[in-house]
């Protein structure tokens, strides 16, 4: 197997793993934060959950920072591969890093 093909397989595996963790974080997010009160919903008599599970919030933080770490490793590997072969940069890796960083900071400072 050619070296570039192996590099592509490693990058694809890291990307899929990172995005899988991001999707799992979205599934956990529903229980990890309180619902926001919105005036239009309150006028219709909707009820809101004012409490949340702190252990789920902690799990969410670990998942998001893990996703960021995987994307950072993947970005470093992509940088190395791009400079040592004809394989170009992958757009989804910096996008995942930026998303993970923003979500991690949001969960840490806002929730």
Protein backbone atom coordinates (compact mmCIF):
# COMPACT_ATOMS: atom_id res chain seq x y z
CA UNK A 1 0.00 0.00 0.00
CA UNK A 2 1.33 3.42 -0.89
CA UNK A 3 2.33 5.84 1.84
CA UNK A 4 -0.22 8.47 0.76
CA UNK A 5 -3.04 5.90 0.95
CA UNK A 6 -2.02 4.99 4.49
CA UNK A 7 -1.94 8.69 5.45
CA UNK A 8 -5.41 9.15 3.98
CA UNK A 9 -6.72 6.19 5.98
CA UNK A 10 -5.27 7.57 9.22
CA UNK A 11 -6.70 11.05 8.56
CA UNK A 12 -10.08 9.61 7.63
CA UNK A 13 -10.15 7.50 10.79
CA UNK A 14 -9.26 10.46 12.98
CA UNK A 15 -11.87 12.65 11.26
CA UNK A 16 -14.61 10.05 11.59
CA UNK A 17 -13.74 9.48 15.24
CA UNK A 18 -13.75 13.22 15.96
CA UNK A 19 -17.07 13.85 14.23
CA UNK A 20 -18.61 10.81 15.92
CA UNK A 21 -17.68 12.28 19.28
CA UNK A 22 -19.16 15.62 18.19
CA UNK A 23 -22.48 13.98 17.29
CA UNK A 24 -22.46 12.09 20.61
CA UNK A 25 -21.86 15.39 22.41
CA UNK A 26 -24.97 16.78 20.71
CA UNK A 27 -26.98 13.84 22.05
CA UNK A 28 -25.68 14.41 25.60
CA UNK A 29 -26.23 18.18 25.38
CA UNK A 30 -30.01 17.90 25.88
CA UNK A 31 -29.61 16.65 29.46
CA UNK A 32 -26.52 18.70 30.29
CA UNK A 33 -28.03 22.16 30.39
CA UNK A 34 -31.22 23.85 31.56
CA UNK A 35 -33.80 24.92 29.02
CA UNK A 36 -33.96 28.60 28.23
CA UNK A 37 -37.12 30.48 29.05
CA UNK A 38 -38.46 32.22 25.98
CA UNK A 39 -41.34 34.67 26.26
CA UNK A 40 -43.34 33.26 23.36
CA UNK A 41 -43.26 29.79 24.91
CA UNK A 42 -44.22 31.14 28.32
CA UNK A 43 -47.22 32.92 26.84
CA UNK A 44 -48.46 29.55 25.52
CA UNK A 45 -48.16 27.94 28.95
CA UNK A 46 -45.17 25.73 28.18
CA UNK A 47 -43.15 24.34 31.10
CA UNK A 48 -39.40 24.49 31.30
CA UNK A 49 -36.79 22.40 33.05
CA UNK A 50 -34.82 24.66 35.39
CA UNK A 51 -32.44 22.02 36.67
CA UNK A 52 -30.01 19.70 34.93
CA UNK A 53 -27.74 16.80 35.69
CA UNK A 54 -24.25 18.10 36.62
CA UNK A 55 -22.66 14.73 35.85
CA UNK A 56 -24.00 14.97 32.29
CA UNK A 57 -22.50 18.46 32.01
CA UNK A 58 -19.12 17.12 33.15
CA UNK A 59 -19.39 14.25 30.65
CA UNK A 60 -20.23 16.75 27.93
CA UNK A 61 -17.11 18.78 28.75
CA UNK A 62 -14.91 15.68 28.56
CA UNK A 63 -16.44 14.64 25.24
CA UNK A 64 -16.01 18.10 23.71
CA UNK A 65 -12.41 18.50 24.89
CA UNK A 66 -11.65 14.94 23.71
CA UNK A 67 -13.08 15.84 20.32
CA UNK A 68 -10.88 18.95 20.28
CA UNK A 69 -7.80 16.91 21.19
CA UNK A 70 -8.48 14.40 18.41
CA UNK A 71 -8.95 17.21 15.90
CA UNK A 72 -5.74 18.92 17.07
CA UNK A 73 -3.78 15.67 16.62
CA UNK A 74 -5.42 15.20 13.24
CA UNK A 75 -4.57 18.78 12.23
CA UNK A 76 -0.92 18.31 13.19
CA UNK A 77 -0.79 15.03 11.26
CA UNK A 78 -2.47 16.68 8.26
CA UNK A 79 0.07 19.51 8.36
CA UNK A 80 2.92 16.98 8.40
CA UNK A 81 1.43 14.94 5.57
CA UNK A 82 0.69 18.01 3.43
CA UNK A 83 4.31 19.09 3.60
CA UNK A 84 5.78 15.65 2.93
CA UNK A 85 3.46 14.38 0.20
CA UNK A 86 1.07 15.62 -2.44
CA UNK A 87 -1.92 15.19 -0.17
CA UNK A 88 -3.54 18.58 0.48
CA UNK A 89 -5.18 20.03 3.55
CA UNK A 90 -8.52 18.68 4.73
CA UNK A 91 -11.15 21.32 5.46
CA UNK A 92 -13.15 19.32 8.00
CA UNK A 93 -10.29 19.04 10.50
CA UNK A 94 -9.93 22.78 11.27
CA UNK A 95 -13.73 23.06 11.21
CA UNK A 96 -14.00 20.35 13.88
CA UNK A 97 -11.27 22.00 15.95
CA UNK A 98 -12.98 25.38 15.78
CA UNK A 99 -16.36 23.88 16.63
CA UNK A 100 -14.95 21.89 19.55
CA UNK A 101 -13.09 24.89 20.91
CA UNK A 102 -16.17 27.13 20.70
CA UNK A 103 -18.44 24.48 22.24
CA UNK A 104 -15.94 23.70 24.99
CA UNK A 105 -15.57 27.34 25.95
CA UNK A 106 -19.36 27.80 25.85
CA UNK A 107 -19.98 24.84 28.12
CA UNK A 108 -17.18 25.82 30.48
CA UNK A 109 -18.06 29.49 30.86
CA UNK A 110 -21.78 29.78 30.09
CA UNK A 111 -23.45 26.63 31.38
